[in-house]
């Protein structure tokens, strides 16, 4: 966070928050769901930028661990008021919002049951018909596809959500993490991208897992 603040200041000057709108966190804010981790791993380290830039959060698998598990996440983040065009999820687990001509939809890959699929379909359909929207981005902790630890992805994202999103001409990117690397691919069927942006905290090199093509 210190390095990010330094780079932002280098690029945009001390008023960098006039040029950058927010930080999109991809989950695993903590290693385990305890008050100590939320205070010292997430919030304490975020303080270098959080007074100036809002930080949007996602549910990662590590938020579901620990003594408090997801209750600690619910107690720290107020996200059920987030909405796009009055489409509320009613939960901190997943939500959508509009910024300029962009709609960003955050999903929960750790619990895909319930109304989440109907909710994301409604967000995509509404954004597709909305003349104020040019782009749709979907975000979730587990990625669409990965070249390492191939099976450790979200089949729900890969087989259900992204194929539905690709029907919209405004969909252009799904961003995931979970894997500790950076990767980018493009869909064959449409001009949309699959990105993994999780290159922090733990080494992940070729040969550390049995891989497949």
Protein backbone atom coordinates (compact mmCIF):
# COMPACT_ATOMS: atom_id res chain seq x y z
CA UNK A 1 0.00 0.00 0.00
CA UNK A 2 2.92 2.34 0.69
CA UNK A 3 4.41 1.53 -2.71
CA UNK A 4 1.02 2.02 -4.38
CA UNK A 5 0.65 5.44 -2.75
CA UNK A 6 4.17 6.36 -3.89
CA UNK A 7 3.41 5.31 -7.47
CA UNK A 8 0.07 7.16 -7.48
CA UNK A 9 1.79 10.32 -6.27
CA UNK A 10 4.50 9.90 -8.92
CA UNK A 11 1.93 9.51 -11.70
CA UNK A 12 -0.76 11.96 -10.65
CA UNK A 13 0.65 14.19 -7.92
CA UNK A 14 -0.60 14.58 -4.34
CA UNK A 15 -4.20 14.90 -5.54
CA UNK A 16 -4.13 11.40 -7.04
CA UNK A 17 -7.66 10.69 -5.84
CA UNK A 18 -8.89 13.13 -8.48
CA UNK A 19 -7.56 10.69 -11.12
CA UNK A 20 -8.16 7.31 -9.44
CA UNK A 21 -11.65 6.48 -8.20
CA UNK A 22 -11.29 3.37 -6.04
CA UNK A 23 -9.38 0.16 -5.27
CA UNK A 24 -10.96 -3.11 -6.40
CA UNK A 25 -9.95 -5.80 -3.93
CA UNK A 26 -10.33 -9.39 -5.14
CA UNK A 27 -10.81 -11.23 -1.86
CA UNK A 28 -8.64 -12.75 0.87
CA UNK A 29 -8.43 -9.45 2.72
CA UNK A 30 -7.33 -11.59 5.66
CA UNK A 31 -5.77 -15.00 6.17
CA UNK A 32 -8.43 -16.06 8.69
CA UNK A 33 -11.64 -14.49 9.96
CA UNK A 34 -10.56 -13.09 13.32
CA UNK A 35 -10.71 -9.58 14.74
CA UNK A 36 -6.90 -9.55 14.94
CA UNK A 37 -6.56 -10.23 11.21
CA UNK A 38 -9.14 -7.66 10.17
CA UNK A 39 -7.51 -5.04 12.39
CA UNK A 40 -3.85 -5.77 11.64
CA UNK A 41 -3.75 -7.57 8.28
CA UNK A 42 -6.40 -5.61 6.38
CA UNK A 43 -7.36 -2.33 8.03
CA UNK A 44 -3.99 -1.37 9.53
CA UNK A 45 -2.18 -1.92 6.24
CA UNK A 46 -4.92 -0.23 4.22
CA UNK A 47 -4.70 2.99 6.21
CA UNK A 48 -2.13 4.48 3.83
CA UNK A 49 -4.78 4.78 1.12
CA UNK A 50 -8.19 4.10 2.67
CA UNK A 51 -8.72 7.73 3.84
CA UNK A 52 -8.42 8.85 0.21
CA UNK A 53 -9.72 5.97 -1.92
CA UNK A 54 -12.66 3.63 -1.23
CA UNK A 55 -11.69 -0.04 -1.19
CA UNK A 56 -14.27 -2.45 -2.58
CA UNK A 57 -13.98 -5.96 -1.15
CA UNK A 58 -14.84 -9.47 -2.31
CA UNK A 59 -15.40 -12.66 -0.36
CA UNK A 60 -12.40 -14.97 -0.69
CA UNK A 61 -11.94 -18.44 0.71
CA UNK A 62 -9.82 -17.11 3.59
CA UNK A 63 -12.67 -14.94 4.83
CA UNK A 64 -14.55 -18.19 5.53
CA UNK A 65 -11.80 -19.54 7.84
CA UNK A 66 -10.96 -18.71 11.45
CA UNK A 67 -12.92 -18.47 14.66
CA UNK A 68 -15.42 -15.88 13.40
CA UNK A 69 -15.46 -16.99 9.76
CA UNK A 70 -17.80 -14.83 7.64
CA UNK A 71 -19.32 -13.08 10.65
CA UNK A 72 -16.19 -10.96 10.94
CA UNK A 73 -16.57 -9.93 7.28
CA UNK A 74 -20.22 -8.99 7.80
CA UNK A 75 -19.34 -6.98 10.91
CA UNK A 76 -16.64 -4.96 9.16
CA UNK A 77 -18.14 -4.14 5.78
CA UNK A 78 -21.49 -2.50 5.01
CA UNK A 79 -22.17 -3.51 1.41
CA UNK A 80 -25.85 -4.46 1.29
CA UNK A 81 -26.69 -0.84 0.47
CA UNK A 82 -24.61 -1.05 -2.72
CA UNK A 83 -26.80 -1.28 -5.80
CA UNK A 84 -27.05 -0.64 -9.50
CA UNK A 85 -30.36 0.84 -10.71
CA UNK A 86 -32.06 -0.24 -7.50
CA UNK A 87 -30.92 -3.85 -7.90
CA UNK A 88 -29.89 -4.80 -4.37
CA UNK A 89 -28.46 -8.16 -3.41
CA UNK A 90 -29.59 -7.72 0.19
CA UNK A 91 -26.30 -9.17 1.39
CA UNK A 92 -22.62 -8.30 1.79
CA UNK A 93 -21.75 -11.47 -0.15
CA UNK A 94 -22.25 -9.91 -3.60
CA UNK A 95 -23.24 -6.53 -5.02
CA UNK A 96 -22.99 -4.25 -8.06
CA UNK A 97 -22.53 -0.54 -8.64
CA UNK A 98 -22.08 1.95 -11.48
CA UNK A 99 -19.17 4.35 -11.82
CA UNK A 100 -19.36 6.61 -14.86
CA UNK A 101 -20.21 4.42 -17.84
CA UNK A 102 -18.95 1.27 -16.11
CA UNK A 103 -20.94 -1.33 -14.15
CA UNK A 104 -18.93 -3.52 -11.77
CA UNK A 105 -20.51 -6.69 -10.36
CA UNK A 106 -18.88 -8.42 -7.38
CA UNK A 107 -19.78 -12.08 -6.83
CA UNK A 108 -19.13 -14.66 -4.13
CA UNK A 109 -17.51 -17.85 -5.47
CA UNK A 110 -17.37 -19.43 -1.99
CA UNK A 111 -21.17 -19.74 -1.79
CA UNK A 112 -22.99 -19.77 -5.12
CA UNK A 113 -26.33 -21.03 -3.82
CA UNK A 114 -29.49 -19.00 -3.40
CA UNK A 115 -30.43 -15.98 -5.48
CA UNK A 116 -26.98 -14.98 -6.69
CA UNK A 117 -27.42 -16.29 -10.24
CA UNK A 118 -30.78 -14.56 -10.73
CA UNK A 119 -29.28 -11.38 -9.29
CA UNK A 120 -26.26 -11.30 -11.64
CA UNK A 121 -28.46 -12.06 -14.65
CA UNK A 122 -30.68 -9.10 -13.73
CA UNK A 123 -27.64 -6.83 -13.36
CA UNK A 124 -26.26 -7.89 -16.75
CA UNK A 125 -29.62 -7.60 -18.52
CA UNK A 126 -30.32 -4.16 -17.05
CA UNK A 127 -26.83 -2.86 -17.86
CA UNK A 128 -27.09 -4.18 -21.42
CA UNK A 129 -30.26 -2.17 -21.97
CA UNK A 130 -28.97 0.92 -20.12
CA UNK A 131 -27.72 3.62 -22.54
CA UNK A 132 -25.58 5.17 -19.77
CA UNK A 133 -23.50 1.96 -19.54
CA UNK A 134 -20.69 1.15 -21.96
CA UNK A 135 -18.81 -1.59 -20.12
CA UNK A 136 -19.60 -4.46 -17.74
CA UNK A 137 -16.92 -6.00 -15.51
CA UNK A 138 -17.52 -9.07 -13.35
CA UNK A 139 -15.29 -9.76 -10.36
CA UNK A 140 -14.99 -12.81 -8.13
CA UNK A 141 -12.27 -14.35 -6.00
CA UNK A 142 -11.85 -17.65 -7.85
CA UNK A 143 -10.97 -17.19 -11.52
CA UNK A 144 -12.55 -18.30 -14.78
CA UNK A 145 -9.52 -20.38 -15.79
CA UNK A 146 -5.94 -20.92 -14.70
CA UNK A 147 -2.86 -22.60 -16.12
CA UNK A 148 -1.54 -23.64 -12.71
CA UNK A 149 -3.62 -25.59 -10.19
CA UNK A 150 -6.01 -26.01 -13.09
CA UNK A 151 -8.91 -27.43 -11.09
CA UNK A 152 -8.79 -24.75 -8.40
CA UNK A 153 -11.12 -22.32 -10.16
CA UNK A 154 -14.85 -21.57 -10.02
CA UNK A 155 -16.79 -23.90 -12.34
CA UNK A 156 -19.84 -21.73 -11.59
CA UNK A 157 -18.08 -18.68 -13.01
CA UNK A 158 -16.64 -20.59 -15.96
CA UNK A 159 -19.72 -22.58 -16.97
CA UNK A 160 -22.60 -20.34 -15.91
CA UNK A 161 -21.86 -16.67 -15.18
CA UNK A 162 -19.29 -15.77 -17.83
CA UNK A 163 -21.12 -17.57 -20.70
CA UNK A 164 -24.24 -15.60 -19.76
CA UNK A 165 -22.28 -12.35 -19.53
CA UNK A 166 -20.69 -12.97 -22.94
CA UNK A 167 -24.13 -12.65 -24.50
CA UNK A 168 -23.97 -8.92 -23.70
CA UNK A 169 -21.98 -6.76 -26.14
CA UNK A 170 -21.00 -4.59 -23.16
CA UNK A 171 -19.23 -7.36 -21.23
CA UNK A 172 -15.48 -6.99 -21.61
CA UNK A 173 -13.69 -8.46 -18.61
CA UNK A 174 -13.87 -10.98 -15.78
CA UNK A 175 -11.27 -10.53 -13.06
CA UNK A 176 -10.40 -13.19 -10.52
CA UNK A 177 -7.59 -13.93 -8.08
CA UNK A 178 -7.07 -16.86 -5.67
CA UNK A 179 -4.05 -17.98 -7.72
CA UNK A 180 -0.97 -16.07 -6.69
CA UNK A 181 0.03 -14.83 -10.12
CA UNK A 182 -0.94 -12.51 -12.93
CA UNK A 183 -2.43 -13.93 -16.11
CA UNK A 184 -4.50 -12.61 -18.99
CA UNK A 185 -6.40 -14.38 -21.72
CA UNK A 186 -9.03 -13.45 -24.29
CA UNK A 187 -12.24 -15.30 -25.01
CA UNK A 188 -12.35 -16.91 -28.45
CA UNK A 189 -16.02 -16.12 -29.00
CA UNK A 190 -16.16 -12.45 -28.02
CA UNK A 191 -13.73 -9.54 -27.44
CA UNK A 192 -13.62 -10.02 -23.67
CA UNK A 193 -10.77 -10.79 -21.30
CA UNK A 194 -10.12 -13.23 -18.46
CA UNK A 195 -7.64 -11.83 -15.94
CA UNK A 196 -6.08 -13.26 -12.79
CA UNK A 197 -4.65 -10.53 -10.57
CA UNK A 198 -3.61 -12.28 -7.37
CA UNK A 199 0.16 -11.94 -7.36
CA UNK A 200 0.79 -11.38 -3.67
CA UNK A 201 1.53 -13.03 -0.33
CA UNK A 202 2.67 -16.51 -1.36
CA UNK A 203 5.04 -17.93 -3.99
CA UNK A 204 3.45 -19.93 -6.79
CA UNK A 205 5.84 -21.28 -9.41
CA UNK A 206 5.70 -23.78 -12.25
CA UNK A 207 6.22 -27.32 -11.01
CA UNK A 208 4.54 -26.80 -7.65
CA UNK A 209 1.45 -28.69 -8.81
CA UNK A 210 0.59 -31.45 -11.27
CA UNK A 211 -0.51 -29.50 -14.33
CA UNK A 212 -2.52 -30.26 -17.43
CA UNK A 213 -3.05 -28.52 -20.77
